[in-house]
């Protein structure tokens, strides 16, 4: 068996350097290390977020003034080399709070790196998503659409009477910090695998909520439950922020 050629050795070294670059990028995102981006990004860097906003390097670093990553990882990075450039595809998974709202999720990450002397730097980054598990509606599932909503007063009455199952659609850390009385916890991402355990009665009256009207997690979970065959799902669109602003009681901890 012959040894590797110089080209193969250089290619292997470049891949290791690029994977290290991706690892350092993930560390900078997790720690909000704005100074690290000066070493990680090219001067003409462009970053494109999951909803289409375009940021230069300074603006990308400044995002951390308004957001906190409680957990952040780049999964299964795949590197393709093209001379002094490389394309990396991966999945970015994060548990994030942005301007007081939950911005957690998994996103498809495409990253373009270029060689700058003896180092690699990120020239472009684009996110798409959030990713959702593929699910097909069962034959008996009702047609999907905008979920029927419920007001705060209606929900308060239903909770007091025990006539509705309330479900917090936020990730577990947010649920643990505070949730509506007796609320269960289930996210749209986990619903395909876990809804049957959390909500065994598909005919039950279910009320889903998240942060407020700007948060998509509540509507996403309501739609997911309808696709899974739950027949009586309503959305408290104003969410826990409205509940707290009204001075109504909340619970904390992981058990409902």
Foldseek 3Di string as FASTA:
>chain_A
DDDDDPVVVVVVVVVVQVVVLQVVVQVCQQVLPLVVQVVAADQAAWEAEAVGDIDGSNVVSVQSVFKHWPDKDWADWDWDDDPQKIKIWTKIFTFMAGNNFTPGAIWIKIWMWGDDDPHIHTRYIYTHDRDADDDAFDPQFDDFDFFAADEPVRVVVCVVVVQEAEEEQHDQVVVQAKDAPNHHYDWLRCCVPPVCVRPVDLAGAYEYFYAALVDCGRRSNQRSSSSHRRDHYHYHHGHPVVCVVVVHDIDHHNHD
